[in-house]
Amino acid sequence: MEEIARRTLPPGTGFEWSSMSFQEKLVGHQMYMVFGLALLLVYLVLAGQYESWYAPVSVILAVPLSFIGPVAALSALSKSGLNNNLYVQIGLVLLMALSAKNAILIVEFARELRERGMTILESAVEAARARFRPIVMTSLAFILGVVPLVFATGAGASARASIGITVFTGMIASTCLAVLFVPPFFVLVQGFEEWLARRKTPSAASAPAE
């Protein structure tokens, strides 16, 4: 619109954005930094909780799975007026935390089983089986809770619908895919972490005593 205005408006005529459009233009380029900082925060908190730099990776890898829902919804409803606005981006930040929650339920329990002596594969399978019901119950409660936002009407309905549809579809995607993909992520990351630990152990044992 700015390009068309510069090209077609007569000399001396100006233009400016207002309301939500002005806010989107003002902070639009900062959303990528917000997404990055949100992921970094999740990673650092989990790294401190697990006391490992590698374990949080299996949780972080589950975050993009939740974005499949909003991407599909935006593509399907683009003609009806739903677009990638500021409220959709806020919903995506919220999805980062919610999808990480589903992955944490599996990874935390799988690490406990691994410490008890189970193999990595057995730990991942048992954690997915044991945490399936809590994941479905908590996710279903949230999904049903945002249904009023999806079908919002009246003043401000567009903003509420944007957030509602984003988190509604994102949580459906995360709930359906987390149980399938997080266990393989855990197997790969945990196996890599233990492989590195085995490589470091002989070198430490063979080091000359001071």
N, C-alpha and C. Protein backbone atom coordinates (compact mmCIF):
# COMPACT_ATOMS: atom_id res chain seq x y z
N MET A 1 0.81 -1.20 0.00
CA MET A 1 0.00 0.00 0.00
C MET A 1 0.86 1.26 0.00
N GLU A 2 1.97 1.22 0.72
CA GLU A 2 2.86 2.37 0.72
C GLU A 2 3.46 2.60 -0.67
N GLU A 3 3.80 1.52 -1.35
CA GLU A 3 4.37 1.64 -2.69
C GLU A 3 3.34 2.23 -3.66
N ILE A 4 2.10 1.75 -3.57
CA ILE A 4 1.04 2.28 -4.44
C ILE A 4 0.77 3.74 -4.13
N ALA A 5 0.76 4.09 -2.84
CA ALA A 5 0.50 5.48 -2.45
C ALA A 5 1.59 6.41 -2.97
N ARG A 6 2.84 6.00 -2.87
CA ARG A 6 3.93 6.84 -3.38
C ARG A 6 3.85 7.01 -4.89
N ARG A 7 3.35 5.98 -5.56
CA ARG A 7 3.33 6.02 -7.01
C ARG A 7 2.12 6.76 -7.57
N THR A 8 0.99 6.72 -6.89
CA THR A 8 -0.25 7.24 -7.46
C THR A 8 -0.75 8.54 -6.83
N LEU A 9 -0.43 8.80 -5.57
CA LEU A 9 -0.95 10.00 -4.93
C LEU A 9 -0.26 11.24 -5.49
N PRO A 10 -0.97 12.35 -5.57
CA PRO A 10 -0.38 13.59 -6.10
C PRO A 10 0.68 14.14 -5.14
N PRO A 11 1.60 14.95 -5.65
CA PRO A 11 2.65 15.54 -4.80
C PRO A 11 2.05 16.32 -3.64
N GLY A 12 2.69 16.22 -2.49
CA GLY A 12 2.23 16.93 -1.31
C GLY A 12 1.24 16.15 -0.47
N THR A 13 0.83 14.98 -0.96
CA THR A 13 -0.11 14.15 -0.21
C THR A 13 0.66 13.13 0.63
N GLY A 14 0.30 13.02 1.88
CA GLY A 14 0.98 12.09 2.77
C GLY A 14 0.05 10.96 3.22
N PHE A 15 0.60 10.04 3.93
CA PHE A 15 -0.19 8.92 4.47
C PHE A 15 0.48 8.43 5.74
N GLU A 16 -0.29 7.74 6.55
CA GLU A 16 0.25 7.16 7.78
C GLU A 16 -0.64 6.01 8.23
N TRP A 17 -0.05 5.13 9.02
CA TRP A 17 -0.80 4.00 9.56
C TRP A 17 -1.37 4.40 10.92
N SER A 18 -2.41 3.70 11.34
CA SER A 18 -3.01 3.98 12.64
C SER A 18 -3.52 2.68 13.25
N SER A 19 -3.85 2.75 14.52
CA SER A 19 -4.44 1.63 15.25
C SER A 19 -3.57 0.38 15.17
N MET A 20 -4.19 -0.79 14.95
CA MET A 20 -3.45 -2.04 14.96
C MET A 20 -2.45 -2.12 13.82
N SER A 21 -2.77 -1.53 12.67
CA SER A 21 -1.84 -1.55 11.55
C SER A 21 -0.55 -0.83 11.89
N PHE A 22 -0.67 0.29 12.61
CA PHE A 22 0.53 1.02 13.04
C PHE A 22 1.37 0.18 14.00
N GLN A 23 0.71 -0.51 14.94
CA GLN A 23 1.44 -1.34 15.89
C GLN A 23 2.13 -2.51 15.19
N GLU A 24 1.46 -3.10 14.21
CA GLU A 24 2.06 -4.20 13.47
C GLU A 24 3.28 -3.73 12.69
N LYS A 25 3.20 -2.56 12.09
CA LYS A 25 4.34 -2.04 11.34
C LYS A 25 5.48 -1.69 12.29
N LEU A 26 5.13 -1.22 13.49
CA LEU A 26 6.15 -0.78 14.44
C LEU A 26 6.94 -1.97 15.00
N VAL A 27 6.24 -3.06 15.32
CA VAL A 27 6.90 -4.19 15.99
C VAL A 27 6.98 -5.42 15.10
N GLY A 28 6.55 -5.31 13.85
CA GLY A 28 6.50 -6.49 13.00
C GLY A 28 7.84 -7.19 12.84
N HIS A 29 8.91 -6.42 12.67
CA HIS A 29 10.22 -7.01 12.46
C HIS A 29 10.83 -7.53 13.77
N GLN A 30 10.23 -7.18 14.90
CA GLN A 30 10.75 -7.64 16.18
C GLN A 30 10.22 -9.02 16.57
N MET A 31 9.20 -9.52 15.85
CA MET A 31 8.61 -10.79 16.22
C MET A 31 9.59 -11.94 16.07
N TYR A 32 10.48 -11.85 15.07
CA TYR A 32 11.47 -12.92 14.90
C TYR A 32 12.40 -12.97 16.11
N MET A 33 12.73 -11.81 16.64
CA MET A 33 13.57 -11.77 17.84
C MET A 33 12.80 -12.31 19.04
N VAL A 34 11.50 -12.02 19.10
CA VAL A 34 10.68 -12.53 20.20
C VAL A 34 10.61 -14.06 20.15
N PHE A 35 10.41 -14.62 18.94
CA PHE A 35 10.38 -16.07 18.81
C PHE A 35 11.71 -16.69 19.25
N GLY A 36 12.80 -16.08 18.82
CA GLY A 36 14.11 -16.60 19.19
C GLY A 36 14.35 -16.53 20.70
N LEU A 37 13.97 -15.42 21.33
CA LEU A 37 14.16 -15.28 22.77
C LEU A 37 13.27 -16.25 23.54
N ALA A 38 12.05 -16.49 23.02
CA ALA A 38 11.16 -17.44 23.69
C ALA A 38 11.75 -18.85 23.66
N LEU A 39 12.28 -19.25 22.51
CA LEU A 39 12.91 -20.57 22.41
C LEU A 39 14.15 -20.65 23.31
N LEU A 40 14.93 -19.56 23.34
CA LEU A 40 16.12 -19.54 24.18
C LEU A 40 15.76 -19.66 25.66
N LEU A 41 14.70 -18.98 26.06
CA LEU A 41 14.26 -19.07 27.45
C LEU A 41 13.85 -20.49 27.82
N VAL A 42 13.07 -21.12 26.94
CA VAL A 42 12.65 -22.51 27.19
C VAL A 42 13.87 -23.41 27.28
N TYR A 43 14.82 -23.23 26.37
CA TYR A 43 16.02 -24.07 26.36
C TYR A 43 16.83 -23.92 27.64
N LEU A 44 17.06 -22.68 28.08
CA LEU A 44 17.89 -22.44 29.26
C LEU A 44 17.22 -22.96 30.52
N VAL A 45 15.90 -22.79 30.63
CA VAL A 45 15.19 -23.30 31.81
C VAL A 45 15.28 -24.82 31.86
N LEU A 46 15.08 -25.47 30.73
CA LEU A 46 15.15 -26.93 30.70
C LEU A 46 16.58 -27.43 30.91
N ALA A 47 17.56 -26.69 30.39
CA ALA A 47 18.95 -27.07 30.60
C ALA A 47 19.30 -27.05 32.09
N GLY A 48 18.78 -26.06 32.80
CA GLY A 48 18.99 -26.02 34.24
C GLY A 48 18.23 -27.12 34.97
N GLN A 49 17.03 -27.43 34.51
CA GLN A 49 16.24 -28.46 35.17
C GLN A 49 16.84 -29.85 34.96
N TYR A 50 17.27 -30.16 33.73
CA TYR A 50 17.82 -31.47 33.42
C TYR A 50 19.32 -31.56 33.70
N GLU A 51 19.96 -30.42 33.99
CA GLU A 51 21.41 -30.36 34.18
C GLU A 51 22.14 -30.97 32.98
N SER A 52 21.67 -30.60 31.82
CA SER A 52 22.24 -31.11 30.57
C SER A 52 21.99 -30.10 29.47
N TRP A 53 22.99 -29.95 28.57
CA TRP A 53 22.83 -29.05 27.43
C TRP A 53 22.14 -29.74 26.26
N TYR A 54 22.03 -31.07 26.31
CA TYR A 54 21.49 -31.82 25.18
C TYR A 54 20.03 -32.24 25.38
N ALA A 55 19.64 -32.57 26.60
CA ALA A 55 18.29 -33.06 26.86
C ALA A 55 17.19 -32.10 26.40
N PRO A 56 17.35 -30.77 26.57
CA PRO A 56 16.27 -29.87 26.12
C PRO A 56 16.02 -29.87 24.62
N VAL A 57 16.99 -30.38 23.85
CA VAL A 57 16.83 -30.36 22.39
C VAL A 57 15.64 -31.21 21.97
N SER A 58 15.41 -32.33 22.66
CA SER A 58 14.27 -33.19 22.31
C SER A 58 12.95 -32.50 22.57
N VAL A 59 12.93 -31.54 23.50
CA VAL A 59 11.71 -30.75 23.75
C VAL A 59 11.58 -29.64 22.72
N ILE A 60 12.69 -28.96 22.43
CA ILE A 60 12.65 -27.86 21.46
C ILE A 60 12.24 -28.35 20.08
N LEU A 61 12.66 -29.56 19.71
CA LEU A 61 12.30 -30.09 18.39
C LEU A 61 10.81 -30.33 18.25
N ALA A 62 10.09 -30.44 19.36
CA ALA A 62 8.65 -30.66 19.30
C ALA A 62 7.86 -29.38 19.08
N VAL A 63 8.50 -28.23 19.31
CA VAL A 63 7.78 -26.95 19.18
C VAL A 63 7.28 -26.70 17.76
N PRO A 64 8.10 -26.91 16.70
CA PRO A 64 7.58 -26.65 15.35
C PRO A 64 6.39 -27.52 14.96
N LEU A 65 6.20 -28.66 15.63
CA LEU A 65 5.06 -29.52 15.29
C LEU A 65 3.74 -28.80 15.53
N SER A 66 3.69 -27.96 16.56
CA SER A 66 2.44 -27.25 16.87
C SER A 66 2.12 -26.17 15.84
N PHE A 67 3.13 -25.71 15.07
CA PHE A 67 2.90 -24.67 14.08
C PHE A 67 2.20 -25.20 12.84
N ILE A 68 2.15 -26.53 12.70
CA ILE A 68 1.50 -27.10 11.52
C ILE A 68 0.02 -26.73 11.50
N GLY A 69 -0.62 -26.74 12.67
CA GLY A 69 -2.04 -26.39 12.75
C GLY A 69 -2.34 -24.97 12.30
N PRO A 70 -1.68 -23.95 12.89
CA PRO A 70 -1.94 -22.58 12.45
C PRO A 70 -1.60 -22.33 10.98
N VAL A 71 -0.53 -22.95 10.48
CA VAL A 71 -0.18 -22.77 9.06
C VAL A 71 -1.30 -23.30 8.17
N ALA A 72 -1.84 -24.48 8.51
CA ALA A 72 -2.93 -25.04 7.73
C ALA A 72 -4.18 -24.18 7.83
N ALA A 73 -4.46 -23.66 9.05
CA ALA A 73 -5.65 -22.81 9.23
C ALA A 73 -5.51 -21.50 8.48
N LEU A 74 -4.33 -20.88 8.53
CA LEU A 74 -4.12 -19.62 7.81
C LEU A 74 -4.25 -19.83 6.30
N SER A 75 -3.76 -20.95 5.80
CA SER A 75 -3.86 -21.23 4.37
C SER A 75 -5.31 -21.46 3.96
N ALA A 76 -6.07 -22.16 4.80
CA ALA A 76 -7.45 -22.50 4.45
C ALA A 76 -8.40 -21.31 4.62
N LEU A 77 -8.11 -20.44 5.60
CA LEU A 77 -9.03 -19.34 5.92
C LEU A 77 -8.52 -17.98 5.46
N SER A 78 -7.50 -17.96 4.62
CA SER A 78 -6.95 -16.68 4.17
C SER A 78 -7.97 -15.86 3.40
N LYS A 79 -8.82 -16.52 2.63
CA LYS A 79 -9.83 -15.79 1.85
C LYS A 79 -10.96 -15.24 2.71
N SER A 80 -11.13 -15.79 3.92
CA SER A 80 -12.20 -15.32 4.80
C SER A 80 -11.74 -14.19 5.72
N GLY A 81 -10.49 -13.75 5.57
CA GLY A 81 -10.02 -12.60 6.34
C GLY A 81 -8.99 -12.91 7.41
N LEU A 82 -8.72 -14.19 7.68
CA LEU A 82 -7.71 -14.53 8.67
C LEU A 82 -6.33 -14.48 8.04
N ASN A 83 -5.47 -13.63 8.59
CA ASN A 83 -4.12 -13.51 8.06
C ASN A 83 -3.12 -13.50 9.21
N ASN A 84 -1.86 -13.43 8.88
CA ASN A 84 -0.80 -13.47 9.88
C ASN A 84 -0.66 -12.10 10.52
N ASN A 85 -1.57 -11.79 11.44
CA ASN A 85 -1.53 -10.49 12.09
C ASN A 85 -0.84 -10.59 13.46
N LEU A 86 -0.86 -9.51 14.20
CA LEU A 86 -0.17 -9.45 15.47
C LEU A 86 -0.73 -10.46 16.47
N TYR A 87 -2.04 -10.67 16.44
CA TYR A 87 -2.66 -11.60 17.39
C TYR A 87 -2.30 -13.05 17.07
N VAL A 88 -2.15 -13.36 15.81
CA VAL A 88 -1.70 -14.69 15.42
C VAL A 88 -0.29 -14.94 15.94
N GLN A 89 0.56 -13.92 15.83
CA GLN A 89 1.94 -14.06 16.30
C GLN A 89 2.00 -14.21 17.82
N ILE A 90 1.11 -13.53 18.54
CA ILE A 90 1.03 -13.73 19.99
C ILE A 90 0.61 -15.16 20.30
N GLY A 91 -0.34 -15.67 19.52
CA GLY A 91 -0.77 -17.05 19.71
C GLY A 91 0.36 -18.05 19.45
N LEU A 92 1.23 -17.75 18.49
CA LEU A 92 2.36 -18.64 18.20
C LEU A 92 3.35 -18.68 19.37
N VAL A 93 3.57 -17.53 20.00
CA VAL A 93 4.44 -17.51 21.18
C VAL A 93 3.83 -18.35 22.30
N LEU A 94 2.52 -18.24 22.46
CA LEU A 94 1.84 -19.05 23.47
C LEU A 94 1.95 -20.54 23.15
N LEU A 95 1.88 -20.87 21.87
CA LEU A 95 2.00 -22.28 21.47
C LEU A 95 3.37 -22.86 21.80
N MET A 96 4.40 -22.04 21.78
CA MET A 96 5.73 -22.54 22.13
C MET A 96 5.72 -23.15 23.53
N ALA A 97 5.10 -22.45 24.47
CA ALA A 97 5.05 -22.95 25.84
C ALA A 97 4.15 -24.16 25.95
N LEU A 98 3.01 -24.14 25.28
CA LEU A 98 2.05 -25.24 25.40
C LEU A 98 2.57 -26.52 24.75
N SER A 99 3.21 -26.40 23.59
CA SER A 99 3.76 -27.59 22.94
C SER A 99 4.97 -28.12 23.71
N ALA A 100 5.76 -27.22 24.30
CA ALA A 100 6.88 -27.67 25.13
C ALA A 100 6.37 -28.43 26.34
N LYS A 101 5.23 -28.02 26.86
CA LYS A 101 4.65 -28.72 28.02
C LYS A 101 4.36 -30.18 27.69
N ASN A 102 3.78 -30.44 26.52
CA ASN A 102 3.49 -31.81 26.13
C ASN A 102 4.77 -32.64 26.00
N ALA A 103 5.80 -32.03 25.41
CA ALA A 103 7.06 -32.75 25.25
C ALA A 103 7.75 -32.98 26.59
N ILE A 104 7.66 -32.02 27.50
CA ILE A 104 8.30 -32.16 28.81
C ILE A 104 7.70 -33.33 29.57
N LEU A 105 6.38 -33.53 29.46
CA LEU A 105 5.74 -34.65 30.16
C LEU A 105 6.34 -35.98 29.76
N ILE A 106 6.70 -36.11 28.48
CA ILE A 106 7.28 -37.36 28.00
C ILE A 106 8.77 -37.45 28.33
N VAL A 107 9.51 -36.40 28.03
CA VAL A 107 10.96 -36.44 28.21
C VAL A 107 11.34 -36.59 29.68
N GLU A 108 10.65 -35.88 30.56
CA GLU A 108 10.97 -35.96 31.99
C GLU A 108 10.80 -37.40 32.50
N PHE A 109 9.69 -38.03 32.15
CA PHE A 109 9.45 -39.39 32.62
C PHE A 109 10.40 -40.38 31.96
N ALA A 110 10.73 -40.16 30.69
CA ALA A 110 11.66 -41.05 29.99
C ALA A 110 13.06 -40.99 30.62
N ARG A 111 13.50 -39.81 31.03
CA ARG A 111 14.80 -39.69 31.67
C ARG A 111 14.81 -40.39 33.03
N GLU A 112 13.71 -40.32 33.75
CA GLU A 112 13.63 -41.04 35.03
C GLU A 112 13.71 -42.54 34.82
N LEU A 113 13.02 -43.05 33.81
CA LEU A 113 13.07 -44.48 33.52
C LEU A 113 14.47 -44.90 33.08
N ARG A 114 15.13 -44.04 32.32
CA ARG A 114 16.49 -44.35 31.87
C ARG A 114 17.43 -44.44 33.07
N GLU A 115 17.27 -43.56 34.04
CA GLU A 115 18.11 -43.59 35.23
C GLU A 115 17.87 -44.83 36.08
N ARG A 116 16.67 -45.43 35.94
CA ARG A 116 16.37 -46.65 36.68
C ARG A 116 16.95 -47.90 36.02
N GLY A 117 17.51 -47.75 34.84
CA GLY A 117 18.17 -48.87 34.20
C GLY A 117 17.53 -49.38 32.93
N MET A 118 16.41 -48.82 32.52
CA MET A 118 15.78 -49.25 31.28
C MET A 118 16.59 -48.74 30.09
N THR A 119 16.47 -49.42 28.96
CA THR A 119 17.16 -48.96 27.76
C THR A 119 16.52 -47.66 27.27
N ILE A 120 17.23 -46.98 26.37
CA ILE A 120 16.71 -45.70 25.86
C ILE A 120 15.40 -45.92 25.12
N LEU A 121 15.34 -46.94 24.28
CA LEU A 121 14.12 -47.21 23.51
C LEU A 121 12.97 -47.60 24.42
N GLU A 122 13.22 -48.45 25.40
CA GLU A 122 12.16 -48.86 26.33
C GLU A 122 11.67 -47.66 27.15
N SER A 123 12.59 -46.80 27.55
CA SER A 123 12.20 -45.61 28.31
C SER A 123 11.29 -44.71 27.49
N ALA A 124 11.63 -44.50 26.21
CA ALA A 124 10.83 -43.63 25.36
C ALA A 124 9.44 -44.21 25.13
N VAL A 125 9.36 -45.51 24.86
CA VAL A 125 8.06 -46.14 24.60
C VAL A 125 7.19 -46.12 25.84
N GLU A 126 7.77 -46.46 26.99
CA GLU A 126 7.00 -46.48 28.23
C GLU A 126 6.55 -45.08 28.64
N ALA A 127 7.40 -44.08 28.43
CA ALA A 127 7.03 -42.70 28.76
C ALA A 127 5.88 -42.22 27.88
N ALA A 128 5.94 -42.54 26.59
CA ALA A 128 4.85 -42.15 25.69
C ALA A 128 3.55 -42.82 26.08
N ARG A 129 3.61 -44.09 26.48
CA ARG A 129 2.40 -44.81 26.88
C ARG A 129 1.84 -44.25 28.19
N ALA A 130 2.73 -44.01 29.17
CA ALA A 130 2.28 -43.56 30.48
C ALA A 130 1.78 -42.12 30.47
N ARG A 131 2.34 -41.29 29.62
CA ARG A 131 1.98 -39.87 29.60
C ARG A 131 0.93 -39.54 28.55
N PHE A 132 0.44 -40.55 27.85
CA PHE A 132 -0.55 -40.28 26.80
C PHE A 132 -1.82 -39.66 27.39
N ARG A 133 -2.34 -40.27 28.46
CA ARG A 133 -3.58 -39.75 29.05
C ARG A 133 -3.42 -38.35 29.64
N PRO A 134 -2.35 -38.07 30.43
CA PRO A 134 -2.21 -36.69 30.92
C PRO A 134 -2.09 -35.65 29.80
N ILE A 135 -1.38 -36.00 28.72
CA ILE A 135 -1.25 -35.07 27.61
C ILE A 135 -2.60 -34.79 26.97
N VAL A 136 -3.37 -35.85 26.72
CA VAL A 136 -4.67 -35.68 26.08
C VAL A 136 -5.62 -34.91 26.99
N MET A 137 -5.62 -35.22 28.28
CA MET A 137 -6.55 -34.56 29.20
C MET A 137 -6.26 -33.07 29.33
N THR A 138 -4.99 -32.72 29.55
CA THR A 138 -4.65 -31.30 29.72
C THR A 138 -4.83 -30.53 28.42
N SER A 139 -4.46 -31.15 27.31
CA SER A 139 -4.60 -30.47 26.02
C SER A 139 -6.07 -30.31 25.64
N LEU A 140 -6.86 -31.34 25.90
CA LEU A 140 -8.29 -31.26 25.57
C LEU A 140 -8.98 -30.18 26.40
N ALA A 141 -8.58 -30.05 27.66
CA ALA A 141 -9.16 -29.00 28.50
C ALA A 141 -8.85 -27.61 27.95
N PHE A 142 -7.61 -27.42 27.49
CA PHE A 142 -7.25 -26.12 26.92
C PHE A 142 -7.95 -25.89 25.59
N ILE A 143 -8.01 -26.92 24.74
CA ILE A 143 -8.66 -26.78 23.44
C ILE A 143 -10.12 -26.38 23.60
N LEU A 144 -10.82 -27.05 24.50
CA LEU A 144 -12.23 -26.71 24.74
C LEU A 144 -12.36 -25.33 25.36
N GLY A 145 -11.35 -24.91 26.13
CA GLY A 145 -11.41 -23.60 26.76
C GLY A 145 -11.31 -22.44 25.78
N VAL A 146 -10.65 -22.65 24.63
CA VAL A 146 -10.51 -21.57 23.66
C VAL A 146 -11.55 -21.63 22.55
N VAL A 147 -12.47 -22.58 22.62
CA VAL A 147 -13.54 -22.66 21.61
C VAL A 147 -14.34 -21.36 21.53
N PRO A 148 -14.71 -20.72 22.68
CA PRO A 148 -15.42 -19.43 22.58
C PRO A 148 -14.66 -18.37 21.81
N LEU A 149 -13.32 -18.39 21.88
CA LEU A 149 -12.54 -17.43 21.11
C LEU A 149 -12.64 -17.72 19.62
N VAL A 150 -12.66 -18.98 19.26
CA VAL A 150 -12.74 -19.34 17.84
C VAL A 150 -14.03 -18.82 17.22
N PHE A 151 -15.13 -18.89 17.96
CA PHE A 151 -16.43 -18.48 17.43
C PHE A 151 -16.87 -17.13 17.98
N ALA A 152 -15.90 -16.28 18.32
CA ALA A 152 -16.22 -14.97 18.90
C ALA A 152 -16.97 -14.09 17.90
N THR A 153 -17.87 -13.28 18.43
CA THR A 153 -18.63 -12.33 17.62
C THR A 153 -18.65 -10.99 18.34
N GLY A 154 -19.05 -9.97 17.61
CA GLY A 154 -19.18 -8.65 18.21
C GLY A 154 -17.90 -7.85 18.12
N ALA A 155 -17.80 -6.82 18.97
CA ALA A 155 -16.63 -5.94 18.96
C ALA A 155 -15.38 -6.71 19.37
N GLY A 156 -14.31 -6.54 18.60
CA GLY A 156 -13.06 -7.22 18.89
C GLY A 156 -13.03 -8.68 18.55
N ALA A 157 -14.03 -9.14 17.78
CA ALA A 157 -14.11 -10.56 17.46
C ALA A 157 -12.94 -11.01 16.60
N SER A 158 -12.47 -10.15 15.73
CA SER A 158 -11.37 -10.52 14.84
C SER A 158 -10.10 -10.86 15.63
N ALA A 159 -9.79 -10.03 16.63
CA ALA A 159 -8.60 -10.28 17.44
C ALA A 159 -8.74 -11.57 18.23
N ARG A 160 -9.91 -11.77 18.85
CA ARG A 160 -10.11 -12.98 19.64
C ARG A 160 -10.10 -14.22 18.76
N ALA A 161 -10.69 -14.12 17.58
CA ALA A 161 -10.71 -15.27 16.68
C ALA A 161 -9.30 -15.60 16.18
N SER A 162 -8.49 -14.59 15.95
CA SER A 162 -7.13 -14.83 15.48
C SER A 162 -6.33 -15.62 16.51
N ILE A 163 -6.39 -15.19 17.77
CA ILE A 163 -5.69 -15.92 18.82
C ILE A 163 -6.31 -17.29 19.03
N GLY A 164 -7.64 -17.34 19.05
CA GLY A 164 -8.33 -18.59 19.32
C GLY A 164 -8.04 -19.65 18.27
N ILE A 165 -8.14 -19.29 17.00
CA ILE A 165 -7.89 -20.26 15.93
C ILE A 165 -6.44 -20.72 15.94
N THR A 166 -5.53 -19.80 16.24
CA THR A 166 -4.11 -20.16 16.26
C THR A 166 -3.81 -21.20 17.32
N VAL A 167 -4.23 -20.94 18.56
CA VAL A 167 -3.92 -21.88 19.64
C VAL A 167 -4.79 -23.13 19.54
N PHE A 168 -6.01 -23.00 19.03
CA PHE A 168 -6.89 -24.16 18.89
C PHE A 168 -6.30 -25.17 17.92
N THR A 169 -5.95 -24.73 16.73
CA THR A 169 -5.39 -25.64 15.73
C THR A 169 -3.99 -26.09 16.12
N GLY A 170 -3.22 -25.19 16.75
CA GLY A 170 -1.87 -25.56 17.16
C GLY A 170 -1.86 -26.63 18.23
N MET A 171 -2.77 -26.55 19.19
CA MET A 171 -2.82 -27.56 20.24
C MET A 171 -3.32 -28.90 19.71
N ILE A 172 -4.22 -28.87 18.74
CA ILE A 172 -4.66 -30.13 18.13
C ILE A 172 -3.48 -30.81 17.44
N ALA A 173 -2.70 -30.03 16.68
CA ALA A 173 -1.54 -30.59 16.01
C ALA A 173 -0.51 -31.09 17.00
N SER A 174 -0.25 -30.31 18.06
CA SER A 174 0.74 -30.71 19.06
C SER A 174 0.30 -31.97 19.79
N THR A 175 -0.98 -32.07 20.15
CA THR A 175 -1.47 -33.23 20.88
C THR A 175 -1.38 -34.49 20.03
N CYS A 176 -1.71 -34.37 18.76
CA CYS A 176 -1.70 -35.55 17.88
C CYS A 176 -0.28 -35.99 17.53
N LEU A 177 0.63 -35.04 17.42
CA LEU A 177 1.98 -35.37 16.93
C LEU A 177 3.01 -35.56 18.02
N ALA A 178 2.78 -34.99 19.21
CA ALA A 178 3.80 -35.06 20.26
C ALA A 178 4.08 -36.50 20.67
N VAL A 179 3.03 -37.28 20.88
CA VAL A 179 3.22 -38.67 21.32
C VAL A 179 3.94 -39.49 20.26
N LEU A 180 3.81 -39.10 19.00
CA LEU A 180 4.45 -39.84 17.91
C LEU A 180 5.90 -39.44 17.69
N PHE A 181 6.21 -38.17 17.82
CA PHE A 181 7.53 -37.68 17.42
C PHE A 181 8.47 -37.42 18.59
N VAL A 182 7.96 -37.07 19.77
CA VAL A 182 8.85 -36.78 20.89
C VAL A 182 9.66 -38.00 21.32
N PRO A 183 9.06 -39.20 21.43
CA PRO A 183 9.89 -40.37 21.79
C PRO A 183 11.06 -40.61 20.83
N PRO A 184 10.88 -40.56 19.50
CA PRO A 184 12.06 -40.69 18.62
C PRO A 184 13.07 -39.57 18.84
N PHE A 185 12.61 -38.34 19.08
CA PHE A 185 13.53 -37.25 19.37
C PHE A 185 14.35 -37.57 20.63
N PHE A 186 13.67 -38.09 21.65
CA PHE A 186 14.37 -38.44 22.89
C PHE A 186 15.40 -39.53 22.66
N VAL A 187 15.04 -40.55 21.88
CA VAL A 187 15.97 -41.64 21.60
C VAL A 187 17.23 -41.11 20.91
N LEU A 188 17.05 -40.24 19.93
CA LEU A 188 18.20 -39.70 19.20
C LEU A 188 19.07 -38.82 20.09
N VAL A 189 18.45 -37.91 20.81
CA VAL A 189 19.22 -36.96 21.63
C VAL A 189 19.88 -37.67 22.81
N GLN A 190 19.14 -38.54 23.49
CA GLN A 190 19.70 -39.25 24.63
C GLN A 190 20.83 -40.19 24.19
N GLY A 191 20.63 -40.86 23.06
CA GLY A 191 21.68 -41.72 22.54
C GLY A 191 22.94 -40.93 22.19
N PHE A 192 22.76 -39.75 21.59
CA PHE A 192 23.91 -38.91 21.25
C PHE A 192 24.61 -38.42 22.51
N GLU A 193 23.84 -38.03 23.52
CA GLU A 193 24.44 -37.53 24.77
C GLU A 193 25.25 -38.63 25.46
N GLU A 194 24.70 -39.83 25.50
CA GLU A 194 25.42 -40.92 26.15
C GLU A 194 26.62 -41.37 25.33
N TRP A 195 26.53 -41.25 24.02
CA TRP A 195 27.69 -41.58 23.17
C TRP A 195 28.84 -40.61 23.43
N LEU A 196 28.52 -39.34 23.58
CA LEU A 196 29.55 -38.35 23.91
C LEU A 196 30.15 -38.63 25.28
N ALA A 197 29.29 -39.02 26.23
CA ALA A 197 29.80 -39.32 27.57
C ALA A 197 30.74 -40.51 27.54
N ARG A 198 30.43 -41.52 26.74
CA ARG A 198 31.32 -42.69 26.65
C ARG A 198 32.65 -42.33 26.01
N ARG A 199 32.62 -41.41 25.06
CA ARG A 199 33.87 -40.99 24.42
C ARG A 199 34.77 -40.22 25.39
N LYS A 200 34.16 -39.45 26.28
CA LYS A 200 34.94 -38.64 27.21
C LYS A 200 35.49 -39.48 28.36
N THR A 201 34.81 -40.55 28.72
CA THR A 201 35.21 -41.34 29.89
C THR A 201 36.59 -41.98 29.73
N PRO A 202 36.90 -42.67 28.61
CA PRO A 202 38.24 -43.28 28.49
C PRO A 202 39.36 -42.25 28.53
N SER A 203 39.15 -41.10 27.87
CA SER A 203 40.19 -40.08 27.86
C SER A 203 40.45 -39.53 29.24
N ALA A 204 39.37 -39.40 30.06
CA ALA A 204 39.54 -38.91 31.41
C ALA A 204 40.25 -39.93 32.28
N ALA A 205 39.95 -41.25 32.04
CA ALA A 205 40.57 -42.28 32.85
C ALA A 205 42.05 -42.45 32.53
N SER A 206 42.40 -42.23 31.25
CA SER A 206 43.79 -42.42 30.83
C SER A 206 44.67 -41.21 31.05
N ALA A 207 44.08 -40.11 31.51
CA ALA A 207 44.87 -38.89 31.73
C ALA A 207 45.83 -39.10 32.89
N PRO A 208 47.09 -38.68 32.78
CA PRO A 208 48.07 -38.88 33.86
C PRO A 208 47.70 -38.09 35.09
N ALA A 209 47.93 -38.69 36.24
CA ALA A 209 47.63 -38.02 37.51
C ALA A 209 48.65 -36.92 37.77
N GLU A 210 48.17 -35.83 38.32
CA GLU A 210 49.07 -34.72 38.63
C GLU A 210 49.70 -34.91 40.02
